[in-house]
Amino acid sequence: MMERLLNFFFPRGAECLVCGDPRRADERYCLCPDCRRELLSLRLRENVCIRCMHPLDGKGLCPFCRAGRLEPMTAGYGAFRYAGAARTLVHLLKYGYQDEAAAALAAVMAQCFPENRYDALVPVPLHRARQRMRGANQSAVLCGLIGQRTGLPTLDALTRTRKTNEQAKIKGAGARQRNVRGAFAAHGEISGLRLLLVDDVRTTGATARACAETLLAAGAKDVGILTAAIAQEHTR
């Protein structure tokens, strides 16, 4: 009964998540046609690094991969460039906990990687204090939705052992790496598993590398990273 009342007064698709248009948003993802087209234009398809999908002006490997900065991960995947409609949806998911934003991002993320390469999805964890403040871990939300589409299970194989500063507020790859060094611990049986980390945005990859190091030290066979968006380092 309560759900029916909420749908009556606040129907899904009542307005576009990105531009707020109250007339043309579709019911499934709550995006108007214009914003949906903008989002699809940000898909990472061409001019991306052949190893980690970082946006490039040409072809081949990005500066991060040439310098070995993706390691110890073996591959990286991303759905969108971190701009425009994609950036708005990430912010709505991360700070507003919008189910519809998560659904729109996860629908494309699930198409970005070879499913038979991995055994399970692993959300990048939040510190318990930050998760209480936000109400949910956006990475875990994305894992659940991607798992529904791919059949891959979610393993909560990582915890954050100390509260770190928000990476988005820290400038420079070195400073970000120091911020998350030693901040994660692995638990559960992951020996021999091929794991795909899931997060909202990748910029320098510092958080993903710290998580991957922890998982590999605990016995994981292989670790990759999948994010809703990939940002140029100077844009975040």
C-alpha atoms as a PDB file:
ATOM      1  CA  MET A   1       0.000   0.000   0.000  1.00  0.00           C
ATOM      2  CA  MET A   2       2.725   2.475   0.983  1.00  0.00           C
ATOM      3  CA  GLU A   3       4.652   1.771  -2.247  1.00  0.00           C
ATOM      4  CA  ARG A   4       1.524   2.401  -4.333  1.00  0.00           C
ATOM      5  CA  LEU A   5       0.944   5.706  -2.543  1.00  0.00           C
ATOM      6  CA  LEU A   6       4.542   6.792  -3.087  1.00  0.00           C
ATOM      7  CA  ASN A   7       4.351   5.885  -6.776  1.00  0.00           C
ATOM      8  CA  PHE A   8       1.127   7.895  -7.079  1.00  0.00           C
ATOM      9  CA  PHE A   9       2.469  11.078  -5.504  1.00  0.00           C
ATOM     10  CA  PHE A  10       6.086  10.682  -6.630  1.00  0.00           C
ATOM     11  CA  PRO A  11       5.987   8.568  -9.805  1.00  0.00           C
ATOM     12  CA  ARG A  12       9.194   7.199 -11.305  1.00  0.00           C
ATOM     13  CA  GLY A  13      10.138   9.167 -14.371  1.00  0.00           C
ATOM     14  CA  ALA A  14       8.342  12.285 -13.131  1.00  0.00           C
ATOM     15  CA  GLU A  15      11.407  14.346 -14.027  1.00  0.00           C
ATOM     16  CA  CYS A  16      14.771  13.847 -15.653  1.00  0.00           C
ATOM     17  CA  LEU A  17      17.550  13.110 -13.151  1.00  0.00           C
ATOM     18  CA  VAL A  18      20.042  15.255 -15.047  1.00  0.00           C
ATOM     19  CA  CYS A  19      18.168  18.327 -16.317  1.00  0.00           C
ATOM     20  CA  GLY A  20      14.970  18.177 -14.253  1.00  0.00           C
ATOM     21  CA  ASP A  21      12.629  18.166 -17.273  1.00  0.00           C
ATOM     22  CA  PRO A  22       9.265  17.111 -15.746  1.00  0.00           C
ATOM     23  CA  ARG A  23       7.646  15.990 -18.989  1.00  0.00           C
ATOM     24  CA  ARG A  24       9.808  13.618 -21.008  1.00  0.00           C
ATOM     25  CA  ALA A  25      11.724  11.362 -18.610  1.00  0.00           C
ATOM     26  CA  ASP A  26      11.425   7.635 -19.270  1.00  0.00           C
ATOM     27  CA  GLU A  27      10.165   5.471 -16.412  1.00  0.00           C
ATOM     28  CA  ARG A  28      13.073   3.013 -16.384  1.00  0.00           C
ATOM     29  CA  TYR A  29      16.079   5.338 -15.999  1.00  0.00           C
ATOM     30  CA  CYS A  30      14.388   8.722 -15.408  1.00  0.00           C
ATOM     31  CA  LEU A  31      16.292  10.429 -18.213  1.00  0.00           C
ATOM     32  CA  CYS A  32      14.825  12.623 -20.917  1.00  0.00           C
ATOM     33  CA  PRO A  33      15.790  11.829 -24.545  1.00  0.00           C
ATOM     34  CA  ASP A  34      18.289  14.703 -24.724  1.00  0.00           C
ATOM     35  CA  CYS A  35      20.157  13.691 -21.568  1.00  0.00           C
ATOM     36  CA  ARG A  36      20.076  10.036 -22.562  1.00  0.00           C
ATOM     37  CA  ARG A  37      21.718  10.956 -25.871  1.00  0.00           C
ATOM     38  CA  GLU A  38      24.324  13.033 -24.023  1.00  0.00           C
ATOM     39  CA  LEU A  39      25.048  10.132 -21.668  1.00  0.00           C
ATOM     40  CA  LEU A  40      25.500   7.700 -24.557  1.00  0.00           C
ATOM     41  CA  SER A  41      27.846  10.167 -26.262  1.00  0.00           C
ATOM     42  CA  LEU A  42      30.134   9.837 -23.226  1.00  0.00           C
ATOM     43  CA  ARG A  43      30.485   6.048 -23.630  1.00  0.00           C
ATOM     44  CA  LEU A  44      34.101   4.919 -23.574  1.00  0.00           C
ATOM     45  CA  ARG A  45      34.391   3.167 -26.933  1.00  0.00           C
ATOM     46  CA  GLU A  46      37.083   4.801 -29.069  1.00  0.00           C
ATOM     47  CA  ASN A  47      40.295   6.690 -28.288  1.00  0.00           C
ATOM     48  CA  VAL A  48      40.831   4.848 -25.034  1.00  0.00           C
ATOM     49  CA  CYS A  49      43.770   2.955 -23.572  1.00  0.00           C
ATOM     50  CA  ILE A  50      43.794  -0.616 -24.857  1.00  0.00           C
ATOM     51  CA  ARG A  51      44.526  -1.919 -21.352  1.00  0.00           C
ATOM     52  CA  CYS A  52      42.536   0.225 -18.911  1.00  0.00           C
ATOM     53  CA  MET A  53      40.108   2.282 -21.089  1.00  0.00           C
ATOM     54  CA  HIS A  54      41.509   5.619 -19.879  1.00  0.00           C
ATOM     55  CA  PRO A  55      40.525   8.373 -22.375  1.00  0.00           C
ATOM     56  CA  LEU A  56      43.242   9.141 -24.943  1.00  0.00           C
ATOM     57  CA  ASP A  57      43.796  11.580 -27.775  1.00  0.00           C
ATOM     58  CA  GLY A  58      45.221   8.770 -29.915  1.00  0.00           C
ATOM     59  CA  LYS A  59      45.732   5.006 -29.743  1.00  0.00           C
ATOM     60  CA  GLY A  60      47.737   2.577 -27.630  1.00  0.00           C
ATOM     61  CA  LEU A  61      48.513   2.720 -23.909  1.00  0.00           C
ATOM     62  CA  CYS A  62      47.777   5.653 -21.604  1.00  0.00           C
ATOM     63  CA  PRO A  63      50.583   7.308 -19.578  1.00  0.00           C
ATOM     64  CA  PHE A  64      49.445   5.403 -16.445  1.00  0.00           C
ATOM     65  CA  CYS A  65      49.828   2.006 -18.094  1.00  0.00           C
ATOM     66  CA  ARG A  66      53.100   2.907 -19.815  1.00  0.00           C
ATOM     67  CA  ALA A  67      54.481   3.845 -16.386  1.00  0.00           C
ATOM     68  CA  GLY A  68      53.105   0.688 -14.763  1.00  0.00           C
ATOM     69  CA  ARG A  69      50.660   2.616 -12.606  1.00  0.00           C
ATOM     70  CA  LEU A  70      47.759   0.238 -13.256  1.00  0.00           C
ATOM     71  CA  GLU A  71      49.718  -2.577 -11.606  1.00  0.00           C
ATOM     72  CA  PRO A  72      49.149  -4.843  -9.770  1.00  0.00           C
ATOM     73  CA  MET A  73      45.802  -4.942 -11.602  1.00  0.00           C
ATOM     74  CA  THR A  74      45.788  -6.676 -14.958  1.00  0.00           C
ATOM     75  CA  ALA A  75      42.947  -4.749 -16.624  1.00  0.00           C
ATOM     76  CA  GLY A  76      40.671  -1.757 -16.202  1.00  0.00           C
ATOM     77  CA  TYR A  77      37.165  -1.101 -17.512  1.00  0.00           C
ATOM     78  CA  GLY A  78      34.924   1.966 -17.476  1.00  0.00           C
ATOM     79  CA  ALA A  79      31.525   2.923 -18.841  1.00  0.00           C
ATOM     80  CA  PHE A  80      31.696   6.691 -19.356  1.00  0.00           C
ATOM     81  CA  ARG A  81      33.928   9.712 -19.468  1.00  0.00           C
ATOM     82  CA  TYR A  82      33.554  11.650 -16.218  1.00  0.00           C
ATOM     83  CA  ALA A  83      31.719  14.653 -17.653  1.00  0.00           C
ATOM     84  CA  GLY A  84      28.261  16.045 -18.302  1.00  0.00           C
ATOM     85  CA  ALA A  85      25.351  13.697 -17.678  1.00  0.00           C
ATOM     86  CA  ALA A  86      27.643  10.899 -16.473  1.00  0.00           C
ATOM     87  CA  ARG A  87      29.194  13.133 -13.822  1.00  0.00           C
ATOM     88  CA  THR A  88      25.738  14.241 -12.669  1.00  0.00           C
ATOM     89  CA  LEU A  89      24.554  10.636 -12.301  1.00  0.00           C
ATOM     90  CA  VAL A  90      27.675   9.684 -10.325  1.00  0.00           C
ATOM     91  CA  HIS A  91      27.098  12.584  -7.932  1.00  0.00           C
ATOM     92  CA  LEU A  92      23.430  11.644  -7.510  1.00  0.00           C
ATOM     93  CA  LEU A  93      24.445   8.080  -6.718  1.00  0.00           C
ATOM     94  CA  LYS A  94      27.321   9.006  -4.421  1.00  0.00           C
ATOM     95  CA  TYR A  95      25.797  11.851  -2.443  1.00  0.00           C
ATOM     96  CA  GLY A  96      22.042  11.538  -3.058  1.00  0.00           C
ATOM     97  CA  TYR A  97      21.717   7.737  -3.149  1.00  0.00           C
ATOM     98  CA  GLN A  98      19.444   7.770  -6.197  1.00  0.00           C
ATOM     99  CA  ASP A  99      18.373   4.249  -7.202  1.00  0.00           C
ATOM    100  CA  GLU A 100      17.588   5.408 -10.725  1.00  0.00           C
ATOM    101  CA  ALA A 101      21.072   6.891 -11.162  1.00  0.00           C
ATOM    102  CA  ALA A 102      22.625   3.601 -10.053  1.00  0.00           C
ATOM    103  CA  ALA A 103      20.431   1.656 -12.497  1.00  0.00           C
ATOM    104  CA  ALA A 104      21.385   3.866 -15.452  1.00  0.00           C
ATOM    105  CA  LEU A 105      25.119   3.539 -14.709  1.00  0.00           C
ATOM    106  CA  ALA A 106      25.083  -0.190 -13.912  1.00  0.00           C
ATOM    107  CA  ALA A 107      23.212  -1.043 -17.125  1.00  0.00           C
ATOM    108  CA  VAL A 108      26.220   0.102 -19.164  1.00  0.00           C
ATOM    109  CA  MET A 109      28.894  -1.047 -16.697  1.00  0.00           C
ATOM    110  CA  ALA A 110      27.615  -4.615 -17.052  1.00  0.00           C
ATOM    111  CA  GLN A 111      28.504  -4.506 -20.763  1.00  0.00           C
ATOM    112  CA  CYS A 112      32.076  -3.270 -20.293  1.00  0.00           C
ATOM    113  CA  PHE A 113      33.982  -6.404 -19.307  1.00  0.00           C
ATOM    114  CA  PRO A 114      34.228 -10.089 -20.259  1.00  0.00           C
ATOM    115  CA  GLU A 115      32.096 -11.902 -17.691  1.00  0.00           C
ATOM    116  CA  ASN A 116      33.955 -15.200 -18.002  1.00  0.00           C
ATOM    117  CA  ARG A 117      37.207 -13.563 -16.934  1.00  0.00           C
ATOM    118  CA  TYR A 118      36.095 -12.999 -13.319  1.00  0.00           C
ATOM    119  CA  ASP A 119      34.626 -15.094 -10.535  1.00  0.00           C
ATOM    120  CA  ALA A 120      33.100 -12.313  -8.410  1.00  0.00           C
ATOM    121  CA  LEU A 121      32.588  -8.571  -7.962  1.00  0.00           C
ATOM    122  CA  VAL A 122      34.162  -6.779  -4.992  1.00  0.00           C
ATOM    123  CA  PRO A 123      32.907  -3.318  -3.947  1.00  0.00           C
ATOM    124  CA  VAL A 124      35.491  -0.766  -2.856  1.00  0.00           C
ATOM    125  CA  PRO A 125      34.530  -0.274   0.807  1.00  0.00           C
ATOM    126  CA  LEU A 126      33.712   2.924   2.651  1.00  0.00           C
ATOM    127  CA  HIS A 127      34.792   3.510   6.223  1.00  0.00           C
ATOM    128  CA  ARG A 128      31.855   2.687   8.523  1.00  0.00           C
ATOM    129  CA  ALA A 129      31.571   6.324   9.658  1.00  0.00           C
ATOM    130  CA  ARG A 130      31.303   7.605   6.083  1.00  0.00           C
ATOM    131  CA  GLN A 131      28.851   4.872   5.155  1.00  0.00           C
ATOM    132  CA  ARG A 132      26.627   5.826   8.092  1.00  0.00           C
ATOM    133  CA  MET A 133      26.729   9.431   6.920  1.00  0.00           C
ATOM    134  CA  ARG A 134      25.842   8.582   3.301  1.00  0.00           C
ATOM    135  CA  GLY A 135      23.417   5.789   4.121  1.00  0.00           C
ATOM    136  CA  ALA A 136      24.889   3.284   1.657  1.00  0.00           C
ATOM    137  CA  ASN A 137      28.065   2.310  -0.148  1.00  0.00           C
ATOM    138  CA  GLN A 138      27.587   3.331  -3.774  1.00  0.00           C
ATOM    139  CA  SER A 139      30.068   0.684  -4.934  1.00  0.00           C
ATOM    140  CA  ALA A 140      28.062  -2.072  -3.266  1.00  0.00           C
ATOM    141  CA  VAL A 141      24.855  -0.757  -4.852  1.00  0.00           C
ATOM    142  CA  LEU A 142      26.485  -0.908  -8.296  1.00  0.00           C
ATOM    143  CA  CYS A 143      27.786  -4.439  -7.606  1.00  0.00           C
ATOM    144  CA  GLY A 144      24.283  -5.672  -6.814  1.00  0.00           C
ATOM    145  CA  LEU A 145      22.815  -4.261 -10.007  1.00  0.00           C
ATOM    146  CA  ILE A 146      25.697  -5.467 -12.202  1.00  0.00           C
ATOM    147  CA  GLY A 147      25.404  -8.896 -10.609  1.00  0.00           C
ATOM    148  CA  GLN A 148      21.715  -9.051 -11.507  1.00  0.00           C
ATOM    149  CA  ARG A 149      22.639  -8.526 -15.150  1.00  0.00           C
ATOM    150  CA  THR A 150      25.717 -10.748 -15.341  1.00  0.00           C
ATOM    151  CA  GLY A 151      25.101 -13.437 -12.727  1.00  0.00           C
ATOM    152  CA  LEU A 152      28.370 -12.637 -10.946  1.00  0.00           C
ATOM    153  CA  PRO A 153      28.168 -12.766  -7.138  1.00  0.00           C
ATOM    154  CA  THR A 154      29.291  -9.930  -4.890  1.00  0.00           C
ATOM    155  CA  LEU A 155      31.955 -10.660  -2.287  1.00  0.00           C
ATOM    156  CA  ASP A 156      32.425  -8.199   0.561  1.00  0.00           C
ATOM    157  CA  ALA A 157      36.074  -9.186   0.671  1.00  0.00           C
ATOM    158  CA  LEU A 158      37.461  -5.831   1.802  1.00  0.00           C
ATOM    159  CA  THR A 159      37.060  -3.526   4.781  1.00  0.00           C
ATOM    160  CA  ARG A 160      38.500  -0.057   5.284  1.00  0.00           C
ATOM    161  CA  THR A 161      40.589  -0.197   8.454  1.00  0.00           C
ATOM    162  CA  ARG A 162      40.962   3.535   8.963  1.00  0.00           C
ATOM    163  CA  LYS A 163      39.152   6.672   7.929  1.00  0.00           C
ATOM    164  CA  THR A 164      40.929   8.398   5.052  1.00  0.00           C
ATOM    165  CA  ASN A 165      40.438  11.807   3.507  1.00  0.00           C
ATOM    166  CA  GLU A 166      38.197  11.916   0.448  1.00  0.00           C
ATOM    167  CA  GLN A 167      40.335  11.246  -2.621  1.00  0.00           C
ATOM    168  CA  ALA A 168      38.372  13.818  -4.637  1.00  0.00           C
ATOM    169  CA  LYS A 169      39.702  16.555  -2.361  1.00  0.00           C
ATOM    170  CA  ILE A 170      43.355  15.509  -2.716  1.00  0.00           C
ATOM    171  CA  LYS A 171      45.492  16.714  -5.604  1.00  0.00           C
ATOM    172  CA  GLY A 172      48.267  14.635  -7.087  1.00  0.00           C
ATOM    173  CA  ALA A 173      48.708  10.912  -7.625  1.00  0.00           C
ATOM    174  CA  GLY A 174      51.398  10.598  -4.956  1.00  0.00           C
ATOM    175  CA  ALA A 175      49.311  12.273  -2.275  1.00  0.00           C
ATOM    176  CA  ARG A 176      46.321  10.089  -3.119  1.00  0.00           C
ATOM    177  CA  GLN A 177      48.433   6.954  -2.922  1.00  0.00           C
ATOM    178  CA  ARG A 178      49.752   7.918   0.503  1.00  0.00           C
ATOM    179  CA  ASN A 179      46.225   8.669   1.708  1.00  0.00           C
ATOM    180  CA  VAL A 180      44.998   5.096   1.084  1.00  0.00           C
ATOM    181  CA  ARG A 181      48.198   3.138   1.717  1.00  0.00           C
ATOM    182  CA  GLY A 182      47.501   0.392   4.271  1.00  0.00           C
ATOM    183  CA  ALA A 183      43.862   1.480   4.602  1.00  0.00           C
ATOM    184  CA  PHE A 184      42.293  -1.866   3.588  1.00  0.00           C
ATOM    185  CA  ALA A 185      42.117  -5.398   4.943  1.00  0.00           C
ATOM    186  CA  ALA A 186      40.916  -8.577   3.211  1.00  0.00           C
ATOM    187  CA  HIS A 187      38.681 -11.201   4.786  1.00  0.00           C
ATOM    188  CA  GLY A 188      36.908 -14.358   3.733  1.00  0.00           C
ATOM    189  CA  GLU A 189      38.172 -17.089   1.419  1.00  0.00           C
ATOM    190  CA  ILE A 190      39.411 -15.517  -1.811  1.00  0.00           C
ATOM    191  CA  SER A 191      42.415 -17.717  -2.572  1.00  0.00           C
ATOM    192  CA  GLY A 192      42.672 -18.438  -6.299  1.00  0.00           C
ATOM    193  CA  LEU A 193      39.730 -16.204  -7.258  1.00  0.00           C
ATOM    194  CA  ARG A 194      39.676 -13.746 -10.150  1.00  0.00           C
ATOM    195  CA  LEU A 195      38.113 -10.590  -8.715  1.00  0.00           C
ATOM    196  CA  LEU A 196      36.734  -7.421 -10.292  1.00  0.00           C
ATOM    197  CA  LEU A 197      36.787  -4.344  -8.078  1.00  0.00           C
ATOM    198  CA  VAL A 198      33.826  -2.000  -8.590  1.00  0.00           C
ATOM    199  CA  ASP A 199      33.804   1.744  -7.834  1.00  0.00           C
ATOM    200  CA  ASP A 200      32.146   4.928  -9.065  1.00  0.00           C
ATOM    201  CA  VAL A 201      35.066   6.949 -10.539  1.00  0.00           C
ATOM    202  CA  ARG A 202      38.699   6.236 -11.388  1.00  0.00           C
ATOM    203  CA  THR A 203      41.156   9.112 -11.712  1.00  0.00           C
ATOM    204  CA  THR A 204      44.676   8.202 -10.618  1.00  0.00           C
ATOM    205  CA  GLY A 205      43.732   4.636  -9.647  1.00  0.00           C
ATOM    206  CA  ALA A 206      45.302   4.997  -6.197  1.00  0.00           C
ATOM    207  CA  THR A 207      42.345   3.518  -4.288  1.00  0.00           C
ATOM    208  CA  ALA A 208      41.983   0.613  -6.715  1.00  0.00           C
ATOM    209  CA  ARG A 209      45.694  -0.197  -6.524  1.00  0.00           C
ATOM    210  CA  ALA A 210      45.630  -0.228  -2.722  1.00  0.00           C
ATOM    211  CA  CYS A 211      42.609  -2.555  -2.771  1.00  0.00           C
ATOM    212  CA  ALA A 212      44.189  -4.817  -5.380  1.00  0.00           C
ATOM    213  CA  GLU A 213      47.424  -5.120  -3.417  1.00  0.00           C
ATOM    214  CA  THR A 214      45.427  -6.207  -0.366  1.00  0.00           C
ATOM    215  CA  LEU A 215      43.412  -8.805  -2.287  1.00  0.00           C
ATOM    216  CA  LEU A 216      46.444 -10.268  -4.045  1.00  0.00           C
ATOM    217  CA  ALA A 217      48.361 -10.493  -0.776  1.00  0.00           C
ATOM    218  CA  ALA A 218      45.406 -12.489   0.606  1.00  0.00           C
ATOM    219  CA  GLY A 219      45.632 -15.006  -2.239  1.00  0.00           C
ATOM    220  CA  ALA A 220      43.481 -13.656  -5.086  1.00  0.00           C
ATOM    221  CA  LYS A 221      44.657 -14.895  -8.479  1.00  0.00           C
ATOM    222  CA  ASP A 222      43.803 -11.815 -10.533  1.00  0.00           C
ATOM    223  CA  VAL A 223      42.275  -8.379  -9.898  1.00  0.00           C
ATOM    224  CA  GLY A 224      40.740  -5.889 -12.339  1.00  0.00           C
ATOM    225  CA  ILE A 225      38.893  -2.605 -11.831  1.00  0.00           C
ATOM    226  CA  LEU A 226      35.504  -1.521 -13.220  1.00  0.00           C
ATOM    227  CA  THR A 227      34.161   1.999 -12.684  1.00  0.00           C
ATOM    228  CA  ALA A 228      31.097   3.901 -13.810  1.00  0.00           C
ATOM    229  CA  ALA A 229      33.331   6.706 -15.111  1.00  0.00           C
ATOM    230  CA  ILE A 230      36.965   7.441 -15.827  1.00  0.00           C
ATOM    231  CA  ALA A 231      38.255  10.988 -15.288  1.00  0.00           C
ATOM    232  CA  GLN A 232      41.267  12.801 -16.575  1.00  0.00           C
ATOM    233  CA  GLU A 233      43.467  13.489 -13.551  1.00  0.00           C
ATOM    234  CA  HIS A 234      43.089  17.247 -13.832  1.00  0.00           C
ATOM    235  CA  THR A 235      39.260  17.125 -13.941  1.00  0.00           C
ATOM    236  CA  ARG A 236      38.596  15.790 -10.472  1.00  0.00           C
END
